[in-house]
Amino acid sequence: MKTNPDPDSAVVEYEMGYAADEFGKVLNGPFSGEKSPYHCSELARHHWSLAQPGAELELSIKVAQKPPRKLGLFNLPVLDVRFTFGATDVALRKQFFHRFHQYFHKGGG
């Protein structure tokens, strides 16, 4: 996962090994399910808004599919993910990314 150098900034960009539709299923499924502190709304295809009831979290997430990486016979998906925060406290951003990394981590371990 490639990140921009300042994860506390208002705009954070990741490059992830997901297909866009797969990313949306995780975001709208387990990540923001009924036990989650987050509520996800789809604004357009591959564009979502996240809110956290009782907190001032303003977050827009957009994804764009890039050409796959080819490693021998394997094609690995590449997804540009852009997080744009509105008036959101840095502590809420860090809390969001902590949960995000728990749900979207692939491989390893």
PDB file of N, CA and C in Angstrom:
ATOM      1  N   MET A   1       0.852  -1.165   0.000  1.00  0.00           N
ATOM      2  CA  MET A   1       0.000   0.000   0.000  1.00  0.00           C
ATOM      3  C   MET A   1       0.900   1.232   0.000  1.00  0.00           C
ATOM      4  N   LYS A   2       0.785   2.052  -0.999  1.00  0.00           N
ATOM      5  CA  LYS A   2       1.571   3.272  -1.106  1.00  0.00           C
ATOM      6  C   LYS A   2       0.752   4.421  -0.542  1.00  0.00           C
ATOM      7  N   THR A   3       1.317   5.203   0.341  1.00  0.00           N
ATOM      8  CA  THR A   3       0.591   6.325   0.921  1.00  0.00           C
ATOM      9  C   THR A   3       1.321   7.615   0.623  1.00  0.00           C
ATOM     10  N   ASN A   4       0.593   8.719   0.751  1.00  0.00           N
ATOM     11  CA  ASN A   4       1.261  10.007   0.631  1.00  0.00           C
ATOM     12  C   ASN A   4       2.044  10.263   1.920  1.00  0.00           C
ATOM     13  N   PRO A   5       3.003  11.179   1.927  1.00  0.00           N
ATOM     14  CA  PRO A   5       3.886  11.326   3.080  1.00  0.00           C
ATOM     15  C   PRO A   5       3.235  11.889   4.340  1.00  0.00           C
ATOM     16  N   ASP A   6       2.075  12.527   4.263  1.00  0.00           N
ATOM     17  CA  ASP A   6       1.469  13.146   5.441  1.00  0.00           C
ATOM     18  C   ASP A   6       0.046  12.638   5.651  1.00  0.00           C
ATOM     19  N   PRO A   7      -0.126  11.533   6.413  1.00  0.00           N
ATOM     20  CA  PRO A   7      -1.462  10.976   6.601  1.00  0.00           C
ATOM     21  C   PRO A   7      -2.391  11.869   7.417  1.00  0.00           C
ATOM     22  N   ASP A   8      -1.864  12.937   8.043  1.00  0.00           N
ATOM     23  CA  ASP A   8      -2.705  13.874   8.790  1.00  0.00           C
ATOM     24  C   ASP A   8      -3.248  14.992   7.912  1.00  0.00           C
ATOM     25  N   SER A   9      -2.912  14.999   6.635  1.00  0.00           N
ATOM     26  CA  SER A   9      -3.377  16.057   5.744  1.00  0.00           C
ATOM     27  C   SER A   9      -4.851  15.860   5.393  1.00  0.00           C
ATOM     28  N   ALA A  10      -5.457  16.884   4.808  1.00  0.00           N
ATOM     29  CA  ALA A  10      -6.883  16.830   4.449  1.00  0.00           C
ATOM     30  C   ALA A  10      -7.146  15.866   3.302  1.00  0.00           C
ATOM     31  N   VAL A  11      -6.130  15.595   2.481  1.00  0.00           N
ATOM     32  CA  VAL A  11      -6.267  14.656   1.365  1.00  0.00           C
ATOM     33  C   VAL A  11      -5.194  13.582   1.519  1.00  0.00           C
ATOM     34  N   VAL A  12      -5.636  12.323   1.529  1.00  0.00           N
ATOM     35  CA  VAL A  12      -4.727  11.193   1.662  1.00  0.00           C
ATOM     36  C   VAL A  12      -4.963  10.286   0.457  1.00  0.00           C
ATOM     37  N   GLU A  13      -3.893   9.852  -0.188  1.00  0.00           N
ATOM     38  CA  GLU A  13      -4.014   8.985  -1.356  1.00  0.00           C
ATOM     39  C   GLU A  13      -3.269   7.681  -1.113  1.00  0.00           C
ATOM     40  N   TYR A  14      -3.944   6.581  -1.444  1.00  0.00           N
ATOM     41  CA  TYR A  14      -3.359   5.250  -1.327  1.00  0.00           C
ATOM     42  C   TYR A  14      -3.429   4.570  -2.684  1.00  0.00           C
ATOM     43  N   GLU A  15      -2.507   3.656  -2.895  1.00  0.00           N
ATOM     44  CA  GLU A  15      -2.560   2.744  -4.021  1.00  0.00           C
ATOM     45  C   GLU A  15      -2.712   1.363  -3.395  1.00  0.00           C
ATOM     46  N   MET A  16      -3.798   0.669  -3.731  1.00  0.00           N
ATOM     47  CA  MET A  16      -4.114  -0.585  -3.058  1.00  0.00           C
ATOM     48  C   MET A  16      -4.318  -1.717  -4.055  1.00  0.00           C
ATOM     49  N   GLY A  17      -4.152  -2.926  -3.584  1.00  0.00           N
ATOM     50  CA  GLY A  17      -4.333  -4.125  -4.401  1.00  0.00           C
ATOM     51  C   GLY A  17      -5.762  -4.618  -4.353  1.00  0.00           C
ATOM     52  N   TYR A  18      -6.688  -3.794  -4.777  1.00  0.00           N
ATOM     53  CA  TYR A  18      -8.118  -4.126  -4.793  1.00  0.00           C
ATOM     54  C   TYR A  18      -8.698  -3.782  -6.156  1.00  0.00           C
ATOM     55  N   ALA A  19      -9.772  -4.472  -6.516  1.00  0.00           N
ATOM     56  CA  ALA A  19     -10.608  -4.036  -7.622  1.00  0.00           C
ATOM     57  C   ALA A  19     -11.602  -3.040  -7.039  1.00  0.00           C
ATOM     58  N   ALA A  20     -12.068  -2.093  -7.831  1.00  0.00           N
ATOM     59  CA  ALA A  20     -12.954  -1.033  -7.331  1.00  0.00           C
ATOM     60  C   ALA A  20     -14.238  -1.597  -6.726  1.00  0.00           C
ATOM     61  N   ASP A  21     -14.853  -2.563  -7.383  1.00  0.00           N
ATOM     62  CA  ASP A  21     -16.094  -3.130  -6.854  1.00  0.00           C
ATOM     63  C   ASP A  21     -15.852  -3.907  -5.567  1.00  0.00           C
ATOM     64  N   GLU A  22     -14.730  -4.615  -5.489  1.00  0.00           N
ATOM     65  CA  GLU A  22     -14.368  -5.353  -4.272  1.00  0.00           C
ATOM     66  C   GLU A  22     -14.172  -4.376  -3.105  1.00  0.00           C
ATOM     67  N   PHE A  23     -13.508  -3.258  -3.355  1.00  0.00           N
ATOM     68  CA  PHE A  23     -13.295  -2.237  -2.340  1.00  0.00           C
ATOM     69  C   PHE A  23     -14.650  -1.729  -1.826  1.00  0.00           C
ATOM     70  N   GLY A  24     -15.558  -1.446  -2.746  1.00  0.00           N
ATOM     71  CA  GLY A  24     -16.883  -0.955  -2.368  1.00  0.00           C
ATOM     72  C   GLY A  24     -17.658  -1.947  -1.525  1.00  0.00           C
ATOM     73  N   LYS A  25     -17.527  -3.230  -1.823  1.00  0.00           N
ATOM     74  CA  LYS A  25     -18.226  -4.257  -1.042  1.00  0.00           C
ATOM     75  C   LYS A  25     -17.710  -4.310   0.392  1.00  0.00           C
ATOM     76  N   VAL A  26     -16.411  -4.185   0.581  1.00  0.00           N
ATOM     77  CA  VAL A  26     -15.855  -4.190   1.935  1.00  0.00           C
ATOM     78  C   VAL A  26     -16.251  -2.908   2.663  1.00  0.00           C
ATOM     79  N   LEU A  27     -16.153  -1.772   1.979  1.00  0.00           N
ATOM     80  CA  LEU A  27     -16.500  -0.489   2.592  1.00  0.00           C
ATOM     81  C   LEU A  27     -17.962  -0.459   3.031  1.00  0.00           C
ATOM     82  N   ASN A  28     -18.860  -0.924   2.174  1.00  0.00           N
ATOM     83  CA  ASN A  28     -20.295  -0.900   2.469  1.00  0.00           C
ATOM     84  C   ASN A  28     -20.744  -2.106   3.290  1.00  0.00           C
ATOM     85  N   GLY A  29     -19.884  -3.092   3.416  1.00  0.00           N
ATOM     86  CA  GLY A  29     -20.243  -4.299   4.161  1.00  0.00           C
ATOM     87  C   GLY A  29     -19.694  -4.255   5.567  1.00  0.00           C
ATOM     88  N   PRO A  30     -18.697  -5.083   5.837  1.00  0.00           N
ATOM     89  CA  PRO A  30     -18.197  -5.199   7.205  1.00  0.00           C
ATOM     90  C   PRO A  30     -17.638  -3.897   7.792  1.00  0.00           C
ATOM     91  N   PHE A  31     -17.017  -3.073   6.963  1.00  0.00           N
ATOM     92  CA  PHE A  31     -16.385  -1.864   7.486  1.00  0.00           C
ATOM     93  C   PHE A  31     -17.400  -0.896   8.088  1.00  0.00           C
ATOM     94  N   SER A  32     -18.539  -0.732   7.444  1.00  0.00           N
ATOM     95  CA  SER A  32     -19.535   0.236   7.935  1.00  0.00           C
ATOM     96  C   SER A  32     -20.850  -0.444   8.305  1.00  0.00           C
ATOM     97  N   GLY A  33     -20.777  -1.712   8.702  1.00  0.00           N
ATOM     98  CA  GLY A  33     -21.963  -2.470   9.088  1.00  0.00           C
ATOM     99  C   GLY A  33     -22.590  -1.954  10.373  1.00  0.00           C
ATOM    100  N   GLU A  34     -23.598  -2.671  10.840  1.00  0.00           N
ATOM    101  CA  GLU A  34     -24.379  -2.194  11.980  1.00  0.00           C
ATOM    102  C   GLU A  34     -23.583  -2.081  13.278  1.00  0.00           C
ATOM    103  N   LYS A  35     -22.481  -2.802  13.427  1.00  0.00           N
ATOM    104  CA  LYS A  35     -21.652  -2.694  14.624  1.00  0.00           C
ATOM    105  C   LYS A  35     -20.547  -1.647  14.478  1.00  0.00           C
ATOM    106  N   SER A  36     -20.494  -1.001  13.340  1.00  0.00           N
ATOM    107  CA  SER A  36     -19.460  -0.020  13.047  1.00  0.00           C
ATOM    108  C   SER A  36     -19.867   1.376  13.531  1.00  0.00           C
ATOM    109  N   PRO A  37     -18.892   2.202  13.916  1.00  0.00           N
ATOM    110  CA  PRO A  37     -19.207   3.588  14.259  1.00  0.00           C
ATOM    111  C   PRO A  37     -19.430   4.455  13.014  1.00  0.00           C
ATOM    112  N   TYR A  38     -19.200   3.896  11.814  1.00  0.00           N
ATOM    113  CA  TYR A  38     -19.284   4.672  10.582  1.00  0.00           C
ATOM    114  C   TYR A  38     -20.540   4.344   9.783  1.00  0.00           C
ATOM    115  N   HIS A  39     -21.061   5.362   9.117  1.00  0.00           N
ATOM    116  CA  HIS A  39     -22.194   5.199   8.213  1.00  0.00           C
ATOM    117  C   HIS A  39     -21.715   5.598   6.820  1.00  0.00           C
ATOM    118  N   CYS A  40     -21.904   4.710   5.862  1.00  0.00           N
ATOM    119  CA  CYS A  40     -21.424   4.930   4.501  1.00  0.00           C
ATOM    120  C   CYS A  40     -22.595   5.193   3.566  1.00  0.00           C
ATOM    121  N   SER A  41     -22.463   6.222   2.724  1.00  0.00           N
ATOM    122  CA  SER A  41     -23.472   6.539   1.704  1.00  0.00           C
ATOM    123  C   SER A  41     -22.787   6.591   0.349  1.00  0.00           C
ATOM    124  N   GLU A  42     -23.380   5.932  -0.633  1.00  0.00           N
ATOM    125  CA  GLU A  42     -22.818   5.962  -1.986  1.00  0.00           C
ATOM    126  C   GLU A  42     -23.313   7.222  -2.687  1.00  0.00           C
ATOM    127  N   LEU A  43     -22.373   8.052  -3.152  1.00  0.00           N
ATOM    128  CA  LEU A  43     -22.710   9.287  -3.855  1.00  0.00           C
ATOM    129  C   LEU A  43     -22.805   9.050  -5.358  1.00  0.00           C
ATOM    130  N   ALA A  44     -21.950   8.195  -5.851  1.00  0.00           N
ATOM    131  CA  ALA A  44     -21.897   7.811  -7.266  1.00  0.00           C
ATOM    132  C   ALA A  44     -21.116   6.509  -7.307  1.00  0.00           C
ATOM    133  N   ARG A  45     -21.041   5.914  -8.478  1.00  0.00           N
ATOM    134  CA  ARG A  45     -20.262   4.678  -8.568  1.00  0.00           C
ATOM    135  C   ARG A  45     -18.814   4.967  -8.194  1.00  0.00           C
ATOM    136  N   HIS A  46     -18.306   4.207  -7.225  1.00  0.00           N
ATOM    137  CA  HIS A  46     -16.930   4.316  -6.740  1.00  0.00           C
ATOM    138  C   HIS A  46     -16.644   5.655  -6.048  1.00  0.00           C
ATOM    139  N   HIS A  47     -17.690   6.238  -5.441  1.00  0.00           N
ATOM    140  CA  HIS A  47     -17.548   7.487  -4.678  1.00  0.00           C
ATOM    141  C   HIS A  47     -18.508   7.418  -3.496  1.00  0.00           C
ATOM    142  N   TRP A  48     -17.944   7.544  -2.280  1.00  0.00           N
ATOM    143  CA  TRP A  48     -18.735   7.395  -1.064  1.00  0.00           C
ATOM    144  C   TRP A  48     -18.475   8.543  -0.104  1.00  0.00           C
ATOM    145  N   SER A  49     -19.446   8.727   0.785  1.00  0.00           N
ATOM    146  CA  SER A  49     -19.324   9.666   1.886  1.00  0.00           C
ATOM    147  C   SER A  49     -19.439   8.872   3.181  1.00  0.00           C
ATOM    148  N   LEU A  50     -18.567   9.174   4.140  1.00  0.00           N
ATOM    149  CA  LEU A  50     -18.633   8.509   5.435  1.00  0.00           C
ATOM    150  C   LEU A  50     -18.936   9.524   6.519  1.00  0.00           C
ATOM    151  N   ALA A  51     -19.779   9.113   7.444  1.00  0.00           N
ATOM    152  CA  ALA A  51     -20.107   9.933   8.601  1.00  0.00           C
ATOM    153  C   ALA A  51     -19.974   9.070   9.842  1.00  0.00           C
ATOM    154  N   GLN A  52     -19.798   9.728  10.965  1.00  0.00           N
ATOM    155  CA  GLN A  52     -19.734   9.044  12.250  1.00  0.00           C
ATOM    156  C   GLN A  52     -20.726   9.749  13.168  1.00  0.00           C
ATOM    157  N   PRO A  53     -21.900   9.136  13.393  1.00  0.00           N
ATOM    158  CA  PRO A  53     -22.904   9.775  14.240  1.00  0.00           C
ATOM    159  C   PRO A  53     -22.317  10.176  15.604  1.00  0.00           C
ATOM    160  N   GLY A  54     -22.590  11.416  16.002  1.00  0.00           N
ATOM    161  CA  GLY A  54     -22.083  11.927  17.274  1.00  0.00           C
ATOM    162  C   GLY A  54     -20.687  12.523  17.184  1.00  0.00           C
ATOM    163  N   ALA A  55     -20.086  12.491  16.012  1.00  0.00           N
ATOM    164  CA  ALA A  55     -18.747  13.061  15.815  1.00  0.00           C
ATOM    165  C   ALA A  55     -18.761  13.887  14.536  1.00  0.00           C
ATOM    166  N   GLU A  56     -17.834  14.804  14.440  1.00  0.00           N
ATOM    167  CA  GLU A  56     -17.762  15.676  13.262  1.00  0.00           C
ATOM    168  C   GLU A  56     -16.764  15.136  12.242  1.00  0.00           C
ATOM    169  N   LEU A  57     -17.097  13.968  11.700  1.00  0.00           N
ATOM    170  CA  LEU A  57     -16.271  13.356  10.664  1.00  0.00           C
ATOM    171  C   LEU A  57     -16.880  13.682   9.312  1.00  0.00           C
ATOM    172  N   GLU A  58     -16.123  14.362   8.472  1.00  0.00           N
ATOM    173  CA  GLU A  58     -16.518  14.646   7.091  1.00  0.00           C
ATOM    174  C   GLU A  58     -15.494  13.980   6.192  1.00  0.00           C
ATOM    175  N   LEU A  59     -15.928  12.970   5.445  1.00  0.00           N
ATOM    176  CA  LEU A  59     -14.983  12.204   4.626  1.00  0.00           C
ATOM    177  C   LEU A  59     -15.630  11.772   3.328  1.00  0.00           C
ATOM    178  N   SER A  60     -14.928  12.014   2.244  1.00  0.00           N
ATOM    179  CA  SER A  60     -15.316  11.545   0.918  1.00  0.00           C
ATOM    180  C   SER A  60     -14.234  10.580   0.445  1.00  0.00           C
ATOM    181  N   ILE A  61     -14.658   9.450  -0.110  1.00  0.00           N
ATOM    182  CA  ILE A  61     -13.708   8.462  -0.628  1.00  0.00           C
ATOM    183  C   ILE A  61     -14.041   8.208  -2.092  1.00  0.00           C
ATOM    184  N   LYS A  62     -13.050   8.375  -2.961  1.00  0.00           N
ATOM    185  CA  LYS A  62     -13.189   8.086  -4.394  1.00  0.00           C
ATOM    186  C   LYS A  62     -12.112   7.099  -4.786  1.00  0.00           C
ATOM    187  N   VAL A  63     -12.481   6.157  -5.654  1.00  0.00           N
ATOM    188  CA  VAL A  63     -11.502   5.196  -6.143  1.00  0.00           C
ATOM    189  C   VAL A  63     -11.487   5.211  -7.670  1.00  0.00           C
ATOM    190  N   ALA A  64     -10.337   4.871  -8.228  1.00  0.00           N
ATOM    191  CA  ALA A  64     -10.173   4.765  -9.678  1.00  0.00           C
ATOM    192  C   ALA A  64      -9.299   3.551  -9.971  1.00  0.00           C
ATOM    193  N   GLN A  65      -9.803   2.673 -10.819  1.00  0.00           N
ATOM    194  CA  GLN A  65      -9.063   1.460 -11.190  1.00  0.00           C
ATOM    195  C   GLN A  65      -7.947   1.832 -12.152  1.00  0.00           C
ATOM    196  N   LYS A  66      -6.758   1.298 -11.903  1.00  0.00           N
ATOM    197  CA  LYS A  66      -5.616   1.486 -12.786  1.00  0.00           C
ATOM    198  C   LYS A  66      -5.322   0.159 -13.472  1.00  0.00           C
ATOM    199  N   PRO A  67      -4.483   0.145 -14.491  1.00  0.00           N
ATOM    200  CA  PRO A  67      -4.117  -1.125 -15.128  1.00  0.00           C
ATOM    201  C   PRO A  67      -3.456  -2.060 -14.110  1.00  0.00           C
ATOM    202  N   PRO A  68      -3.689  -3.357 -14.248  1.00  0.00           N
ATOM    203  CA  PRO A  68      -3.112  -4.297 -13.284  1.00  0.00           C
ATOM    204  C   PRO A  68      -1.595  -4.389 -13.403  1.00  0.00           C
ATOM    205  N   ARG A  69      -0.978  -4.786 -12.304  1.00  0.00           N
ATOM    206  CA  ARG A  69       0.453  -5.083 -12.318  1.00  0.00           C
ATOM    207  C   ARG A  69       0.609  -6.525 -12.759  1.00  0.00           C
ATOM    208  N   LYS A  70       1.541  -6.753 -13.652  1.00  0.00           N
ATOM    209  CA  LYS A  70       1.774  -8.105 -14.145  1.00  0.00           C
ATOM    210  C   LYS A  70       3.060  -8.633 -13.529  1.00  0.00           C
ATOM    211  N   LEU A  71       2.911  -9.752 -12.829  1.00  0.00           N
ATOM    212  CA  LEU A  71       4.056 -10.438 -12.235  1.00  0.00           C
ATOM    213  C   LEU A  71       4.046 -11.864 -12.764  1.00  0.00           C
ATOM    214  N   GLY A  72       4.800 -12.083 -13.824  1.00  0.00           N
ATOM    215  CA  GLY A  72       4.770 -13.395 -14.473  1.00  0.00           C
ATOM    216  C   GLY A  72       3.380 -13.655 -15.019  1.00  0.00           C
ATOM    217  N   LEU A  73       2.738 -14.728 -14.559  1.00  0.00           N
ATOM    218  CA  LEU A  73       1.392 -15.067 -15.014  1.00  0.00           C
ATOM    219  C   LEU A  73       0.299 -14.397 -14.193  1.00  0.00           C
ATOM    220  N   PHE A  74       0.689 -13.681 -13.140  1.00  0.00           N
ATOM    221  CA  PHE A  74      -0.296 -13.053 -12.253  1.00  0.00           C
ATOM    222  C   PHE A  74      -0.599 -11.618 -12.672  1.00  0.00           C
ATOM    223  N   ASN A  75      -1.867 -11.270 -12.601  1.00  0.00           N
ATOM    224  CA  ASN A  75      -2.303  -9.889 -12.773  1.00  0.00           C
ATOM    225  C   ASN A  75      -2.865  -9.420 -11.441  1.00  0.00           C
ATOM    226  N   LEU A  76      -2.230  -8.416 -10.844  1.00  0.00           N
ATOM    227  CA  LEU A  76      -2.671  -7.893  -9.563  1.00  0.00           C
ATOM    228  C   LEU A  76      -3.404  -6.577  -9.767  1.00  0.00           C
ATOM    229  N   PRO A  77      -4.595  -6.431  -9.171  1.00  0.00           N
ATOM    230  CA  PRO A  77      -5.337  -5.184  -9.349  1.00  0.00           C
ATOM    231  C   PRO A  77      -4.612  -4.022  -8.670  1.00  0.00           C
ATOM    232  N   VAL A  78      -4.784  -2.842  -9.233  1.00  0.00           N
ATOM    233  CA  VAL A  78      -4.217  -1.617  -8.662  1.00  0.00           C
ATOM    234  C   VAL A  78      -5.342  -0.592  -8.610  1.00  0.00           C
ATOM    235  N   LEU A  79      -5.558  -0.043  -7.415  1.00  0.00           N
ATOM    236  CA  LEU A  79      -6.644   0.891  -7.199  1.00  0.00           C
ATOM    237  C   LEU A  79      -6.108   2.161  -6.551  1.00  0.00           C
ATOM    238  N   ASP A  80      -6.379   3.308  -7.176  1.00  0.00           N
ATOM    239  CA  ASP A  80      -6.079   4.593  -6.547  1.00  0.00           C
ATOM    240  C   ASP A  80      -7.240   4.931  -5.633  1.00  0.00           C
ATOM    241  N   VAL A  81      -6.943   5.213  -4.364  1.00  0.00           N
ATOM    242  CA  VAL A  81      -7.973   5.553  -3.385  1.00  0.00           C
ATOM    243  C   VAL A  81      -7.645   6.937  -2.847  1.00  0.00           C
ATOM    244  N   ARG A  82      -8.622   7.834  -2.929  1.00  0.00           N
ATOM    245  CA  ARG A  82      -8.425   9.221  -2.474  1.00  0.00           C
ATOM    246  C   ARG A  82      -9.417   9.520  -1.358  1.00  0.00           C
ATOM    247  N   PHE A  83      -8.882   9.862  -0.192  1.00  0.00           N
ATOM    248  CA  PHE A  83      -9.670  10.240   0.978  1.00  0.00           C
ATOM    249  C   PHE A  83      -9.594  11.755   1.101  1.00  0.00           C
ATOM    250  N   THR A  84     -10.736  12.424   1.123  1.00  0.00           N
ATOM    251  CA  THR A  84     -10.768  13.869   1.283  1.00  0.00           C
ATOM    252  C   THR A  84     -11.572  14.198   2.530  1.00  0.00           C
ATOM    253  N   PHE A  85     -10.886  14.768   3.517  1.00  0.00           N
ATOM    254  CA  PHE A  85     -11.523  15.130   4.777  1.00  0.00           C
ATOM    255  C   PHE A  85     -11.963  16.578   4.744  1.00  0.00           C
ATOM    256  N   GLY A  86     -13.155  16.831   5.271  1.00  0.00           N
ATOM    257  CA  GLY A  86     -13.617  18.197   5.486  1.00  0.00           C
ATOM    258  C   GLY A  86     -13.117  18.648   6.850  1.00  0.00           C
ATOM    259  N   ALA A  87     -13.940  19.392   7.554  1.00  0.00           N
ATOM    260  CA  ALA A  87     -13.589  19.879   8.896  1.00  0.00           C
ATOM    261  C   ALA A  87     -13.618  18.705   9.870  1.00  0.00           C
ATOM    262  N   THR A  88     -12.522  17.969   9.921  1.00  0.00           N
ATOM    263  CA  THR A  88     -12.436  16.774  10.756  1.00  0.00           C
ATOM    264  C   THR A  88     -11.178  16.838  11.604  1.00  0.00           C
ATOM    265  N   ASP A  89     -11.327  16.639  12.892  1.00  0.00           N
ATOM    266  CA  ASP A  89     -10.227  16.641  13.836  1.00  0.00           C
ATOM    267  C   ASP A  89      -9.207  15.552  13.476  1.00  0.00           C
ATOM    268  N   VAL A  90      -7.933  15.825  13.691  1.00  0.00           N
ATOM    269  CA  VAL A  90      -6.867  14.881  13.379  1.00  0.00           C
ATOM    270  C   VAL A  90      -7.059  13.569  14.145  1.00  0.00           C
ATOM    271  N   ALA A  91      -7.524  13.638  15.373  1.00  0.00           N
ATOM    272  CA  ALA A  91      -7.743  12.413  16.165  1.00  0.00           C
ATOM    273  C   ALA A  91      -8.798  11.525  15.507  1.00  0.00           C
ATOM    274  N   LEU A  92      -9.855  12.115  14.946  1.00  0.00           N
ATOM    275  CA  LEU A  92     -10.877  11.329  14.242  1.00  0.00           C
ATOM    276  C   LEU A  92     -10.319  10.718  12.965  1.00  0.00           C
ATOM    277  N   ARG A  93      -9.439  11.437  12.285  1.00  0.00           N
ATOM    278  CA  ARG A  93      -8.791  10.900  11.080  1.00  0.00           C
ATOM    279  C   ARG A  93      -7.951   9.675  11.436  1.00  0.00           C
ATOM    280  N   LYS A  94      -7.169   9.792  12.500  1.00  0.00           N
ATOM    281  CA  LYS A  94      -6.320   8.676  12.920  1.00  0.00           C
ATOM    282  C   LYS A  94      -7.170   7.484  13.343  1.00  0.00           C
ATOM    283  N   GLN A  95      -8.270   7.748  14.041  1.00  0.00           N
ATOM    284  CA  GLN A  95      -9.178   6.674  14.458  1.00  0.00           C
ATOM    285  C   GLN A  95      -9.766   5.982  13.229  1.00  0.00           C
ATOM    286  N   PHE A  96     -10.156   6.765  12.229  1.00  0.00           N
ATOM    287  CA  PHE A  96     -10.687   6.200  10.987  1.00  0.00           C
ATOM    288  C   PHE A  96      -9.639   5.297  10.325  1.00  0.00           C
ATOM    289  N   PHE A  97      -8.421   5.787  10.153  1.00  0.00           N
ATOM    290  CA  PHE A  97      -7.394   5.010   9.456  1.00  0.00           C
ATOM    291  C   PHE A  97      -6.994   3.766  10.238  1.00  0.00           C
ATOM    292  N   HIS A  98      -7.047   3.818  11.542  1.00  0.00           N
ATOM    293  CA  HIS A  98      -6.771   2.624  12.330  1.00  0.00           C
ATOM    294  C   HIS A  98      -7.766   1.522  11.959  1.00  0.00           C
ATOM    295  N   ARG A  99      -9.058   1.844  11.950  1.00  0.00           N
ATOM    296  CA  ARG A  99     -10.085   0.857  11.584  1.00  0.00           C
ATOM    297  C   ARG A  99      -9.953   0.466  10.112  1.00  0.00           C
ATOM    298  N   PHE A 100      -9.694   1.437   9.249  1.00  0.00           N
ATOM    299  CA  PHE A 100      -9.568   1.174   7.814  1.00  0.00           C
ATOM    300  C   PHE A 100      -8.482   0.132   7.559  1.00  0.00           C
ATOM    301  N   HIS A 101      -7.314   0.314   8.172  1.00  0.00           N
ATOM    302  CA  HIS A 101      -6.212  -0.622   7.950  1.00  0.00           C
ATOM    303  C   HIS A 101      -6.533  -2.009   8.498  1.00  0.00           C
ATOM    304  N   GLN A 102      -7.298  -2.091   9.566  1.00  0.00           N
ATOM    305  CA  GLN A 102      -7.700  -3.394  10.101  1.00  0.00           C
ATOM    306  C   GLN A 102      -8.598  -4.142   9.111  1.00  0.00           C
ATOM    307  N   TYR A 103      -9.485  -3.443   8.442  1.00  0.00           N
ATOM    308  CA  TYR A 103     -10.442  -4.095   7.544  1.00  0.00           C
ATOM    309  C   TYR A 103      -9.906  -4.292   6.129  1.00  0.00           C
ATOM    310  N   PHE A 104      -9.005  -3.458   5.690  1.00  0.00           N
ATOM    311  CA  PHE A 104      -8.574  -3.526   4.294  1.00  0.00           C
ATOM    312  C   PHE A 104      -7.189  -4.127   4.103  1.00  0.00           C
ATOM    313  N   HIS A 105      -6.545  -4.562   5.169  1.00  0.00           N
ATOM    314  CA  HIS A 105      -5.236  -5.193   5.039  1.00  0.00           C
ATOM    315  C   HIS A 105      -5.398  -6.539   4.341  1.00  0.00           C
ATOM    316  N   LYS A 106      -4.545  -6.791   3.360  1.00  0.00           N
ATOM    317  CA  LYS A 106      -4.568  -8.081   2.641  1.00  0.00           C
ATOM    318  C   LYS A 106      -3.206  -8.736   2.749  1.00  0.00           C
ATOM    319  N   GLY A 107      -3.222 -10.027   2.815  1.00  0.00           N
ATOM    320  CA  GLY A 107      -1.975 -10.787   2.774  1.00  0.00           C
ATOM    321  C   GLY A 107      -1.185 -10.660   4.057  1.00  0.00           C
ATOM    322  N   GLY A 108       0.004 -11.164   4.019  1.00  0.00           N
ATOM    323  CA  GLY A 108       0.902 -11.065   5.177  1.00  0.00           C
ATOM    324  C   GLY A 108       0.376 -11.828   6.385  1.00  0.00           C
ATOM    325  N   GLY A 109       1.185 -11.882   7.413  1.00  0.00           N
ATOM    326  CA  GLY A 109       0.785 -12.448   8.702  1.00  0.00           C
ATOM    327  C   GLY A 109       0.464 -13.850   8.664  1.00  0.00           C
TER     328      GLY A 109
END
